[in-house]
Amino acid sequence: MMARPWLLVLLLTTASSSWATQTPAVGALARTADAVVLTSCDDGVSQWTGDPAIIVTRHQCRVEQAFKGRPGDSVTVQVLGGRVGDVTMDASAGSSVPAGVDAVLLLRRSHFGNYYVIAGGAAGVLPVTGARERRTVSGMSLDAFSRLVNQ
């Protein structure tokens, strides 16, 4: 039993430490997106939808900078999963939108409504690090990231 938590920690550590070295993969995924934005999102609102019913969460996200596309000052982003009452649903291959922090989201327009979904699942959510004047995404300055997206 104890081996599984250690294995999970090892896999997560390996994935996060190698992400910054996968610049070509980030660029390729960004090129498939309709919009690539630096944003901060709310906590989201979860609800049941569809038949059979599933839980989805919709986030309102303020766009600080658009690296690709023209999404406007804010976007609605929907992800699978969330919590409604005492029922929680998680999507194993899905992504989650971090609330209240800056992140770069790679977005695709949904074919099912007036909202976006994350392109590439969890790989389409890129954390932003550093002080405001020296922020980085995947180990790159915002300017270098913008150049990569627009190659």
C-alpha atoms as a PDB file:
ATOM      1  CA  MET A   1       0.000   0.000   0.000  1.00  0.00           C
ATOM      2  CA  MET A   2       2.751   2.481   0.834  1.00  0.00           C
ATOM      3  CA  ALA A   3       4.375   2.097  -2.606  1.00  0.00           C
ATOM      4  CA  ARG A   4       1.464   3.705  -4.438  1.00  0.00           C
ATOM      5  CA  PRO A   5       1.674   7.140  -2.778  1.00  0.00           C
ATOM      6  CA  TRP A   6       5.416   7.226  -3.414  1.00  0.00           C
ATOM      7  CA  LEU A   7       4.919   6.218  -7.016  1.00  0.00           C
ATOM      8  CA  LEU A   8       2.329   8.959  -7.491  1.00  0.00           C
ATOM      9  CA  VAL A   9       4.657  11.571  -6.004  1.00  0.00           C
ATOM     10  CA  LEU A  10       7.485  10.380  -8.226  1.00  0.00           C
ATOM     11  CA  LEU A  11       5.344  10.566 -11.366  1.00  0.00           C
ATOM     12  CA  LEU A  12       4.041  14.046 -10.542  1.00  0.00           C
ATOM     13  CA  THR A  13       7.525  15.305  -9.750  1.00  0.00           C
ATOM     14  CA  THR A  14       8.914  13.879 -12.980  1.00  0.00           C
ATOM     15  CA  ALA A  15       6.111  15.364 -15.065  1.00  0.00           C
ATOM     16  CA  SER A  16       6.382  18.844 -13.574  1.00  0.00           C
ATOM     17  CA  SER A  17      10.186  19.025 -13.678  1.00  0.00           C
ATOM     18  CA  SER A  18      10.372  17.949 -17.317  1.00  0.00           C
ATOM     19  CA  TRP A  19       7.567  20.254 -18.497  1.00  0.00           C
ATOM     20  CA  ALA A  20       9.853  23.280 -18.885  1.00  0.00           C
ATOM     21  CA  THR A  21      12.161  21.269 -21.148  1.00  0.00           C
ATOM     22  CA  GLN A  22       9.298  20.363 -23.504  1.00  0.00           C
ATOM     23  CA  THR A  23       9.196  23.735 -25.282  1.00  0.00           C
ATOM     24  CA  PRO A  24       8.489  22.188 -28.723  1.00  0.00           C
ATOM     25  CA  ALA A  25       5.482  20.328 -27.274  1.00  0.00           C
ATOM     26  CA  VAL A  26       4.161  23.541 -25.690  1.00  0.00           C
ATOM     27  CA  GLY A  27       4.538  25.370 -28.989  1.00  0.00           C
ATOM     28  CA  ALA A  28       2.823  22.599 -30.957  1.00  0.00           C
ATOM     29  CA  LEU A  29      -0.087  22.447 -28.526  1.00  0.00           C
ATOM     30  CA  ALA A  30      -0.409  26.247 -28.514  1.00  0.00           C
ATOM     31  CA  ARG A  31      -0.609  26.273 -32.307  1.00  0.00           C
ATOM     32  CA  THR A  32      -3.647  23.959 -32.181  1.00  0.00           C
ATOM     33  CA  ALA A  33      -5.468  26.276 -29.755  1.00  0.00           C
ATOM     34  CA  ASP A  34      -7.969  28.933 -30.845  1.00  0.00           C
ATOM     35  CA  ALA A  35      -6.794  31.261 -28.068  1.00  0.00           C
ATOM     36  CA  VAL A  36      -3.825  31.369 -25.704  1.00  0.00           C
ATOM     37  CA  VAL A  37      -4.362  33.747 -22.790  1.00  0.00           C
ATOM     38  CA  LEU A  38      -2.763  34.912 -19.580  1.00  0.00           C
ATOM     39  CA  THR A  39      -5.682  34.919 -17.199  1.00  0.00           C
ATOM     40  CA  SER A  40      -6.990  34.707 -13.676  1.00  0.00           C
ATOM     41  CA  CYS A  41     -10.194  32.720 -13.101  1.00  0.00           C
ATOM     42  CA  ASP A  42     -12.867  32.558 -10.427  1.00  0.00           C
ATOM     43  CA  ASP A  43     -13.723  29.478  -8.341  1.00  0.00           C
ATOM     44  CA  GLY A  44     -16.276  28.384 -10.914  1.00  0.00           C
ATOM     45  CA  VAL A  45     -19.844  27.166 -10.654  1.00  0.00           C
ATOM     46  CA  SER A  46     -20.552  23.439 -10.919  1.00  0.00           C
ATOM     47  CA  GLN A  47     -23.782  21.987 -12.263  1.00  0.00           C
ATOM     48  CA  TRP A  48     -25.295  18.807 -13.633  1.00  0.00           C
ATOM     49  CA  THR A  49     -25.707  18.678 -17.411  1.00  0.00           C
ATOM     50  CA  GLY A  50     -26.490  16.212 -20.194  1.00  0.00           C
ATOM     51  CA  ASP A  51     -28.062  12.794 -20.456  1.00  0.00           C
ATOM     52  CA  PRO A  52     -26.575  10.780 -18.884  1.00  0.00           C
ATOM     53  CA  ALA A  53     -25.919  13.541 -16.379  1.00  0.00           C
ATOM     54  CA  ILE A  54     -22.367  14.645 -15.637  1.00  0.00           C
ATOM     55  CA  ILE A  55     -20.988  17.483 -13.552  1.00  0.00           C
ATOM     56  CA  VAL A  56     -19.232  20.364 -15.292  1.00  0.00           C
ATOM     57  CA  THR A  57     -17.722  23.517 -13.851  1.00  0.00           C
ATOM     58  CA  ARG A  58     -17.795  26.878 -15.600  1.00  0.00           C
ATOM     59  CA  HIS A  59     -15.203  29.493 -14.740  1.00  0.00           C
ATOM     60  CA  GLN A  60     -15.250  33.164 -15.608  1.00  0.00           C
ATOM     61  CA  CYS A  61     -11.704  34.231 -16.435  1.00  0.00           C
ATOM     62  CA  ARG A  62     -10.350  37.759 -16.771  1.00  0.00           C
ATOM     63  CA  VAL A  63      -7.959  37.982 -19.730  1.00  0.00           C
ATOM     64  CA  GLU A  64      -4.837  40.009 -18.949  1.00  0.00           C
ATOM     65  CA  GLN A  65      -3.015  39.241 -22.189  1.00  0.00           C
ATOM     66  CA  ALA A  66      -3.918  37.314 -25.340  1.00  0.00           C
ATOM     67  CA  PHE A  67      -0.932  35.629 -26.975  1.00  0.00           C
ATOM     68  CA  LYS A  68      -3.149  34.170 -29.691  1.00  0.00           C
ATOM     69  CA  GLY A  69      -6.699  34.870 -30.784  1.00  0.00           C
ATOM     70  CA  ARG A  70      -9.037  37.706 -29.803  1.00  0.00           C
ATOM     71  CA  PRO A  71     -11.099  36.343 -26.941  1.00  0.00           C
ATOM     72  CA  GLY A  72     -12.052  39.701 -25.385  1.00  0.00           C
ATOM     73  CA  ASP A  73     -11.646  40.956 -21.811  1.00  0.00           C
ATOM     74  CA  SER A  74     -13.057  37.774 -20.293  1.00  0.00           C
ATOM     75  CA  VAL A  75     -13.781  34.184 -21.290  1.00  0.00           C
ATOM     76  CA  THR A  76     -15.957  31.399 -19.979  1.00  0.00           C
ATOM     77  CA  VAL A  77     -14.056  28.124 -19.597  1.00  0.00           C
ATOM     78  CA  GLN A  78     -15.843  24.833 -18.929  1.00  0.00           C
ATOM     79  CA  VAL A  79     -14.142  21.749 -17.534  1.00  0.00           C
ATOM     80  CA  LEU A  80     -15.418  18.292 -16.685  1.00  0.00           C
ATOM     81  CA  GLY A  81     -15.962  17.581 -13.021  1.00  0.00           C
ATOM     82  CA  GLY A  82     -16.785  19.528  -9.913  1.00  0.00           C
ATOM     83  CA  ARG A  83     -18.996  19.288  -6.872  1.00  0.00           C
ATOM     84  CA  VAL A  84     -22.774  19.634  -6.704  1.00  0.00           C
ATOM     85  CA  GLY A  85     -24.179  19.141  -3.205  1.00  0.00           C
ATOM     86  CA  ASP A  86     -22.539  16.077  -1.724  1.00  0.00           C
ATOM     87  CA  VAL A  87     -21.578  14.579  -5.114  1.00  0.00           C
ATOM     88  CA  THR A  88     -18.084  15.111  -6.521  1.00  0.00           C
ATOM     89  CA  MET A  89     -17.016  14.105 -10.011  1.00  0.00           C
ATOM     90  CA  ASP A  90     -13.391  14.113 -11.194  1.00  0.00           C
ATOM     91  CA  ALA A  91     -12.223  13.584 -14.767  1.00  0.00           C
ATOM     92  CA  SER A  92      -9.056  11.475 -14.803  1.00  0.00           C
ATOM     93  CA  ALA A  93      -7.782  12.855 -18.121  1.00  0.00           C
ATOM     94  CA  GLY A  94      -9.254  16.311 -17.701  1.00  0.00           C
ATOM     95  CA  SER A  95      -7.871  19.600 -16.595  1.00  0.00           C
ATOM     96  CA  SER A  96      -8.701  21.928 -13.776  1.00  0.00           C
ATOM     97  CA  VAL A  97      -8.608  25.693 -13.833  1.00  0.00           C
ATOM     98  CA  PRO A  98      -6.635  27.230 -10.981  1.00  0.00           C
ATOM     99  CA  ALA A  99      -8.756  29.831  -9.180  1.00  0.00           C
ATOM    100  CA  GLY A 100      -7.428  33.237  -8.215  1.00  0.00           C
ATOM    101  CA  VAL A 101      -3.917  32.832  -9.636  1.00  0.00           C
ATOM    102  CA  ASP A 102      -2.337  33.820 -12.924  1.00  0.00           C
ATOM    103  CA  ALA A 103      -2.065  31.021 -15.457  1.00  0.00           C
ATOM    104  CA  VAL A 104      -1.771  30.673 -19.213  1.00  0.00           C
ATOM    105  CA  LEU A 105      -4.663  28.714 -20.692  1.00  0.00           C
ATOM    106  CA  LEU A 106      -4.605  27.113 -24.138  1.00  0.00           C
ATOM    107  CA  LEU A 107      -8.222  27.235 -25.253  1.00  0.00           C
ATOM    108  CA  ARG A 108     -10.471  25.794 -27.941  1.00  0.00           C
ATOM    109  CA  ARG A 109     -13.961  27.019 -28.709  1.00  0.00           C
ATOM    110  CA  SER A 110     -16.587  24.497 -27.688  1.00  0.00           C
ATOM    111  CA  HIS A 111     -18.842  23.026 -30.351  1.00  0.00           C
ATOM    112  CA  PHE A 112     -21.617  22.761 -27.755  1.00  0.00           C
ATOM    113  CA  GLY A 113     -22.013  26.316 -26.475  1.00  0.00           C
ATOM    114  CA  ASN A 114     -20.598  29.797 -26.070  1.00  0.00           C
ATOM    115  CA  TYR A 115     -17.593  28.833 -23.973  1.00  0.00           C
ATOM    116  CA  TYR A 116     -14.055  27.503 -24.272  1.00  0.00           C
ATOM    117  CA  VAL A 117     -12.501  24.205 -23.204  1.00  0.00           C
ATOM    118  CA  ILE A 118      -8.861  23.558 -22.356  1.00  0.00           C
ATOM    119  CA  ALA A 119      -6.818  22.357 -25.350  1.00  0.00           C
ATOM    120  CA  GLY A 120      -4.668  19.361 -24.466  1.00  0.00           C
ATOM    121  CA  GLY A 121      -6.228  18.593 -21.087  1.00  0.00           C
ATOM    122  CA  ALA A 122      -3.947  19.264 -18.134  1.00  0.00           C
ATOM    123  CA  ALA A 123      -1.094  20.185 -20.525  1.00  0.00           C
ATOM    124  CA  GLY A 124      -3.166  23.203 -21.618  1.00  0.00           C
ATOM    125  CA  VAL A 125      -2.907  24.883 -18.202  1.00  0.00           C
ATOM    126  CA  LEU A 126       0.493  26.500 -17.713  1.00  0.00           C
ATOM    127  CA  PRO A 127       1.406  28.020 -14.343  1.00  0.00           C
ATOM    128  CA  VAL A 128       2.850  31.520 -14.281  1.00  0.00           C
ATOM    129  CA  THR A 129       5.708  32.054 -11.844  1.00  0.00           C
ATOM    130  CA  GLY A 130       7.796  34.971 -10.650  1.00  0.00           C
ATOM    131  CA  ALA A 131       7.179  38.550  -9.611  1.00  0.00           C
ATOM    132  CA  ARG A 132       4.799  40.574 -11.786  1.00  0.00           C
ATOM    133  CA  GLU A 133       7.552  42.335 -13.755  1.00  0.00           C
ATOM    134  CA  ARG A 134       9.515  39.097 -14.299  1.00  0.00           C
ATOM    135  CA  ARG A 135       6.822  36.458 -14.796  1.00  0.00           C
ATOM    136  CA  THR A 136       7.651  33.256 -16.646  1.00  0.00           C
ATOM    137  CA  VAL A 137       5.670  30.494 -18.347  1.00  0.00           C
ATOM    138  CA  SER A 138       7.295  27.081 -18.862  1.00  0.00           C
ATOM    139  CA  GLY A 139      10.638  28.648 -17.964  1.00  0.00           C
ATOM    140  CA  MET A 140      10.291  31.436 -20.569  1.00  0.00           C
ATOM    141  CA  SER A 141       9.638  35.130 -20.229  1.00  0.00           C
ATOM    142  CA  LEU A 142       6.192  36.217 -21.415  1.00  0.00           C
ATOM    143  CA  ASP A 143       7.826  37.782 -24.510  1.00  0.00           C
ATOM    144  CA  ALA A 144       9.678  34.541 -25.365  1.00  0.00           C
ATOM    145  CA  PHE A 145       6.488  32.552 -24.788  1.00  0.00           C
ATOM    146  CA  SER A 146       4.577  34.898 -27.104  1.00  0.00           C
ATOM    147  CA  ARG A 147       7.189  34.388 -29.828  1.00  0.00           C
ATOM    148  CA  LEU A 148       6.964  30.604 -29.414  1.00  0.00           C
ATOM    149  CA  VAL A 149       3.163  30.650 -29.708  1.00  0.00           C
ATOM    150  CA  ASN A 150       3.231  32.839 -32.812  1.00  0.00           C
ATOM    151  CA  GLN A 151       5.994  31.044 -34.769  1.00  0.00           C
END
